[in-house]
Amino acid sequence: MSKKVVAESPLQRNSLASLDQKLAMAKRCSHEGVVAGAKAAALATIATAIPTMASARMLPWARANLNHTAQALIISTVAGAAYFIVADKTVLATARKNSFKSPSSN
């Protein structure tokens, strides 16, 4: 039951092509954000896991108070924050760069 949009005038054809182009650009921007966010999350996981696990083994306070669940929570929170911060910044930067590249016809 999908409706097929048929362009009746040249103006409508241009607007449909413009919408397709904008959709493709948005998909590319979001994909770049996902890739950059995943890289940042992987790096943040490693950078957080090493000192967290080392301190849980060496420091008396951490040994007494940080069980495995707490260590995992610390590491995953930092990884999630890094993912969303970097992905958001990448998507915004890419969108800003593309908005200056092609002027809008609005």
N, C-alpha and C. Protein backbone atom coordinates (compact mmCIF):
# COMPACT_ATOMS: atom_id res chain seq x y z
N MET A 1 0.80 -1.18 0.00
CA MET A 1 0.00 0.00 0.00
C MET A 1 0.85 1.26 0.00
N SER A 2 2.00 1.22 -0.59
CA SER A 2 2.84 2.41 -0.63
C SER A 2 2.40 3.30 -1.78
N LYS A 3 2.37 4.58 -1.49
CA LYS A 3 1.99 5.55 -2.50
C LYS A 3 3.23 5.97 -3.27
N LYS A 4 3.11 6.05 -4.54
CA LYS A 4 4.21 6.51 -5.39
C LYS A 4 3.94 7.97 -5.71
N VAL A 5 4.93 8.82 -5.41
CA VAL A 5 4.78 10.24 -5.68
C VAL A 5 5.21 10.48 -7.11
N VAL A 6 4.32 11.08 -7.88
CA VAL A 6 4.61 11.37 -9.28
C VAL A 6 4.68 12.88 -9.43
N ALA A 7 5.80 13.35 -9.96
CA ALA A 7 5.97 14.78 -10.17
C ALA A 7 5.24 15.18 -11.44
N GLU A 8 4.37 16.18 -11.31
CA GLU A 8 3.59 16.60 -12.45
C GLU A 8 4.21 17.78 -13.18
N SER A 9 4.90 18.63 -12.49
CA SER A 9 5.49 19.80 -13.14
C SER A 9 7.00 19.78 -12.95
N PRO A 10 7.74 20.55 -13.74
CA PRO A 10 9.20 20.61 -13.56
C PRO A 10 9.59 21.12 -12.18
N LEU A 11 8.79 22.03 -11.63
CA LEU A 11 9.09 22.55 -10.29
C LEU A 11 9.00 21.45 -9.25
N GLN A 12 7.99 20.59 -9.37
CA GLN A 12 7.85 19.49 -8.43
C GLN A 12 8.97 18.48 -8.62
N ARG A 13 9.40 18.24 -9.87
CA ARG A 13 10.50 17.32 -10.10
C ARG A 13 11.78 17.84 -9.46
N ASN A 14 12.03 19.13 -9.57
CA ASN A 14 13.21 19.72 -8.96
C ASN A 14 13.15 19.62 -7.44
N SER A 15 11.97 19.83 -6.89
CA SER A 15 11.87 19.76 -5.43
C SER A 15 12.04 18.33 -4.93
N LEU A 16 11.53 17.36 -5.70
CA LEU A 16 11.72 15.96 -5.30
C LEU A 16 13.19 15.56 -5.40
N ALA A 17 13.87 16.02 -6.44
CA ALA A 17 15.30 15.73 -6.57
C ALA A 17 16.08 16.39 -5.44
N SER A 18 15.67 17.59 -5.09
CA SER A 18 16.32 18.30 -3.99
C SER A 18 16.11 17.57 -2.66
N LEU A 19 14.91 17.07 -2.46
CA LEU A 19 14.64 16.32 -1.23
C LEU A 19 15.45 15.03 -1.17
N ASP A 20 15.58 14.34 -2.31
CA ASP A 20 16.39 13.13 -2.35
C ASP A 20 17.85 13.45 -2.05
N GLN A 21 18.33 14.56 -2.60
CA GLN A 21 19.72 14.96 -2.36
C GLN A 21 19.92 15.30 -0.89
N LYS A 22 18.97 16.01 -0.29
CA LYS A 22 19.08 16.36 1.12
C LYS A 22 19.03 15.12 2.00
N LEU A 23 18.19 14.16 1.63
CA LEU A 23 18.09 12.92 2.39
C LEU A 23 19.39 12.13 2.32
N ALA A 24 19.98 12.06 1.13
CA ALA A 24 21.26 11.35 0.98
C ALA A 24 22.35 12.04 1.79
N MET A 25 22.36 13.36 1.80
CA MET A 25 23.37 14.09 2.56
C MET A 25 23.17 13.88 4.06
N ALA A 26 21.92 13.84 4.51
CA ALA A 26 21.65 13.60 5.93
C ALA A 26 22.09 12.20 6.35
N LYS A 27 21.86 11.22 5.50
CA LYS A 27 22.31 9.86 5.80
C LYS A 27 23.82 9.79 5.90
N ARG A 28 24.50 10.49 4.98
CA ARG A 28 25.97 10.49 5.01
C ARG A 28 26.50 11.18 6.26
N CYS A 29 25.86 12.29 6.64
CA CYS A 29 26.28 13.01 7.85
C CYS A 29 26.09 12.13 9.09
N SER A 30 24.96 11.46 9.17
CA SER A 30 24.71 10.63 10.34
C SER A 30 25.65 9.42 10.37
N HIS A 31 25.96 8.87 9.20
CA HIS A 31 26.90 7.73 9.16
C HIS A 31 28.28 8.16 9.63
N GLU A 32 28.72 9.34 9.20
CA GLU A 32 30.02 9.85 9.65
C GLU A 32 30.02 10.04 11.17
N GLY A 33 28.90 10.51 11.70
CA GLY A 33 28.80 10.68 13.15
C GLY A 33 28.86 9.37 13.90
N VAL A 34 28.22 8.35 13.37
CA VAL A 34 28.23 7.03 14.01
C VAL A 34 29.64 6.45 14.02
N VAL A 35 30.33 6.57 12.90
CA VAL A 35 31.69 6.02 12.81
C VAL A 35 32.63 6.75 13.78
N ALA A 36 32.56 8.08 13.78
CA ALA A 36 33.42 8.86 14.68
C ALA A 36 33.08 8.58 16.14
N GLY A 37 31.79 8.43 16.45
CA GLY A 37 31.38 8.13 17.82
C GLY A 37 31.85 6.75 18.27
N ALA A 38 31.79 5.78 17.38
CA ALA A 38 32.25 4.43 17.73
C ALA A 38 33.75 4.41 18.00
N LYS A 39 34.50 5.15 17.19
CA LYS A 39 35.95 5.23 17.43
C LYS A 39 36.25 5.89 18.77
N ALA A 40 35.53 6.96 19.07
CA ALA A 40 35.74 7.65 20.35
C ALA A 40 35.34 6.77 21.53
N ALA A 41 34.26 6.01 21.37
CA ALA A 41 33.82 5.13 22.46
C ALA A 41 34.83 4.03 22.71
N ALA A 42 35.41 3.48 21.65
CA ALA A 42 36.42 2.43 21.82
C ALA A 42 37.66 2.98 22.53
N LEU A 43 38.08 4.16 22.12
CA LEU A 43 39.24 4.78 22.75
C LEU A 43 38.95 5.12 24.22
N ALA A 44 37.77 5.65 24.49
CA ALA A 44 37.41 6.00 25.86
C ALA A 44 37.29 4.76 26.75
N THR A 45 36.82 3.66 26.19
CA THR A 45 36.72 2.41 26.95
C THR A 45 38.10 1.95 27.41
N ILE A 46 39.04 1.97 26.49
CA ILE A 46 40.40 1.53 26.84
C ILE A 46 41.03 2.51 27.82
N ALA A 47 40.86 3.80 27.56
CA ALA A 47 41.47 4.82 28.42
C ALA A 47 40.87 4.83 29.82
N THR A 48 39.64 4.37 29.97
CA THR A 48 39.00 4.33 31.28
C THR A 48 39.20 3.00 31.98
N ALA A 49 39.21 1.92 31.23
CA ALA A 49 39.28 0.59 31.83
C ALA A 49 40.60 0.36 32.54
N ILE A 50 41.69 0.81 31.95
CA ILE A 50 43.01 0.54 32.54
C ILE A 50 43.15 1.18 33.93
N PRO A 51 42.92 2.49 34.09
CA PRO A 51 43.06 3.05 35.44
C PRO A 51 41.99 2.58 36.42
N THR A 52 40.78 2.31 35.92
CA THR A 52 39.71 1.85 36.82
C THR A 52 40.05 0.48 37.39
N MET A 53 40.46 -0.43 36.54
CA MET A 53 40.78 -1.77 37.02
C MET A 53 42.06 -1.79 37.85
N ALA A 54 43.02 -0.95 37.47
CA ALA A 54 44.26 -0.89 38.24
C ALA A 54 44.00 -0.32 39.63
N SER A 55 43.19 0.73 39.72
CA SER A 55 42.91 1.31 41.04
C SER A 55 42.07 0.37 41.89
N ALA A 56 41.20 -0.41 41.26
CA ALA A 56 40.38 -1.36 42.03
C ALA A 56 41.24 -2.47 42.61
N ARG A 57 42.39 -2.72 42.04
CA ARG A 57 43.28 -3.75 42.57
C ARG A 57 44.31 -3.19 43.55
N MET A 58 44.71 -1.92 43.38
CA MET A 58 45.83 -1.38 44.17
C MET A 58 45.41 -0.50 45.35
N LEU A 59 44.37 0.28 45.18
CA LEU A 59 43.97 1.22 46.25
C LEU A 59 43.02 0.53 47.24
N PRO A 60 43.28 0.66 48.51
CA PRO A 60 42.42 -0.01 49.50
C PRO A 60 40.97 0.45 49.46
N TRP A 61 40.73 1.77 49.28
CA TRP A 61 39.36 2.26 49.24
C TRP A 61 38.62 1.69 48.03
N ALA A 62 39.27 1.71 46.88
CA ALA A 62 38.64 1.21 45.66
C ALA A 62 38.42 -0.30 45.74
N ARG A 63 39.35 -1.00 46.34
CA ARG A 63 39.19 -2.45 46.49
C ARG A 63 37.98 -2.78 47.36
N ALA A 64 37.74 -1.96 48.38
CA ALA A 64 36.63 -2.22 49.29
C ALA A 64 35.28 -1.78 48.70
N ASN A 65 35.29 -0.73 47.86
CA ASN A 65 34.01 -0.14 47.45
C ASN A 65 33.64 -0.31 45.98
N LEU A 66 34.56 -0.68 45.14
CA LEU A 66 34.24 -0.82 43.72
C LEU A 66 34.21 -2.30 43.32
N ASN A 67 33.02 -2.87 43.30
CA ASN A 67 32.91 -4.25 42.84
C ASN A 67 32.90 -4.26 41.31
N HIS A 68 32.72 -5.42 40.71
CA HIS A 68 32.79 -5.53 39.25
C HIS A 68 31.69 -4.73 38.56
N THR A 69 30.52 -4.68 39.18
CA THR A 69 29.42 -3.91 38.60
C THR A 69 29.74 -2.42 38.57
N ALA A 70 30.31 -1.91 39.64
CA ALA A 70 30.67 -0.49 39.69
C ALA A 70 31.75 -0.17 38.66
N GLN A 71 32.70 -1.05 38.52
CA GLN A 71 33.76 -0.83 37.52
C GLN A 71 33.17 -0.80 36.10
N ALA A 72 32.28 -1.74 35.82
CA ALA A 72 31.65 -1.78 34.50
C ALA A 72 30.79 -0.54 34.26
N LEU A 73 30.12 -0.07 35.30
CA LEU A 73 29.29 1.12 35.17
C LEU A 73 30.14 2.35 34.88
N ILE A 74 31.27 2.49 35.54
CA ILE A 74 32.17 3.62 35.29
C ILE A 74 32.66 3.59 33.86
N ILE A 75 33.11 2.44 33.41
CA ILE A 75 33.68 2.32 32.06
C ILE A 75 32.61 2.55 31.00
N SER A 76 31.44 1.95 31.16
CA SER A 76 30.40 2.09 30.13
C SER A 76 29.81 3.50 30.10
N THR A 77 29.76 4.18 31.24
CA THR A 77 29.26 5.55 31.26
C THR A 77 30.19 6.47 30.47
N VAL A 78 31.47 6.33 30.66
CA VAL A 78 32.43 7.15 29.93
C VAL A 78 32.38 6.83 28.44
N ALA A 79 32.27 5.56 28.09
CA ALA A 79 32.21 5.19 26.68
C ALA A 79 30.94 5.74 26.02
N GLY A 80 29.81 5.65 26.70
CA GLY A 80 28.56 6.18 26.15
C GLY A 80 28.60 7.68 25.99
N ALA A 81 29.15 8.37 26.98
CA ALA A 81 29.25 9.83 26.89
C ALA A 81 30.16 10.23 25.74
N ALA A 82 31.27 9.54 25.58
CA ALA A 82 32.19 9.86 24.49
C ALA A 82 31.52 9.63 23.14
N TYR A 83 30.77 8.54 23.02
CA TYR A 83 30.07 8.26 21.77
C TYR A 83 29.12 9.39 21.40
N PHE A 84 28.24 9.77 22.33
CA PHE A 84 27.23 10.75 22.00
C PHE A 84 27.82 12.14 21.79
N ILE A 85 28.83 12.51 22.54
CA ILE A 85 29.44 13.83 22.36
C ILE A 85 30.12 13.93 21.01
N VAL A 86 30.93 12.93 20.67
CA VAL A 86 31.66 12.97 19.40
C VAL A 86 30.71 12.82 18.21
N ALA A 87 29.73 11.95 18.31
CA ALA A 87 28.79 11.78 17.20
C ALA A 87 28.01 13.06 16.96
N ASP A 88 27.57 13.71 18.03
CA ASP A 88 26.82 14.96 17.89
C ASP A 88 27.68 16.05 17.26
N LYS A 89 28.89 16.20 17.75
CA LYS A 89 29.78 17.22 17.19
C LYS A 89 30.11 16.93 15.73
N THR A 90 30.28 15.69 15.37
CA THR A 90 30.61 15.34 13.98
C THR A 90 29.43 15.61 13.07
N VAL A 91 28.23 15.24 13.48
CA VAL A 91 27.05 15.49 12.65
C VAL A 91 26.85 16.99 12.47
N LEU A 92 26.98 17.75 13.54
CA LEU A 92 26.80 19.20 13.42
C LEU A 92 27.87 19.84 12.55
N ALA A 93 29.11 19.42 12.70
CA ALA A 93 30.18 19.98 11.88
C ALA A 93 30.00 19.63 10.40
N THR A 94 29.59 18.41 10.12
CA THR A 94 29.38 18.01 8.73
C THR A 94 28.19 18.76 8.12
N ALA A 95 27.13 18.91 8.89
CA ALA A 95 25.97 19.64 8.39
C ALA A 95 26.32 21.11 8.15
N ARG A 96 27.09 21.69 9.05
CA ARG A 96 27.50 23.09 8.88
C ARG A 96 28.37 23.24 7.63
N LYS A 97 29.29 22.31 7.44
CA LYS A 97 30.17 22.36 6.28
C LYS A 97 29.36 22.23 4.99
N ASN A 98 28.38 21.33 4.99
CA ASN A 98 27.57 21.13 3.79
C ASN A 98 26.61 22.28 3.55
N SER A 99 26.18 22.97 4.59
CA SER A 99 25.27 24.08 4.40
C SER A 99 25.98 25.26 3.75
N PHE A 100 27.26 25.42 3.99
CA PHE A 100 28.02 26.50 3.34
C PHE A 100 28.42 26.11 1.92
N LYS A 101 28.51 24.81 1.68
CA LYS A 101 28.95 24.33 0.36
C LYS A 101 27.88 24.58 -0.70
N SER A 102 26.63 24.25 -0.39
CA SER A 102 25.57 24.42 -1.38
C SER A 102 24.51 25.37 -0.81
N PRO A 103 24.32 26.53 -1.42
CA PRO A 103 23.35 27.48 -0.90
C PRO A 103 21.93 26.95 -1.02
N SER A 104 21.12 27.28 -0.05
CA SER A 104 19.75 26.81 -0.02
C SER A 104 18.89 27.63 -0.96
N SER A 105 17.87 27.01 -1.54
CA SER A 105 17.00 27.72 -2.48
C SER A 105 15.73 28.19 -1.80
N ASN A 106 15.72 28.27 -0.47
CA ASN A 106 14.52 28.70 0.25
C ASN A 106 14.28 30.17 0.10
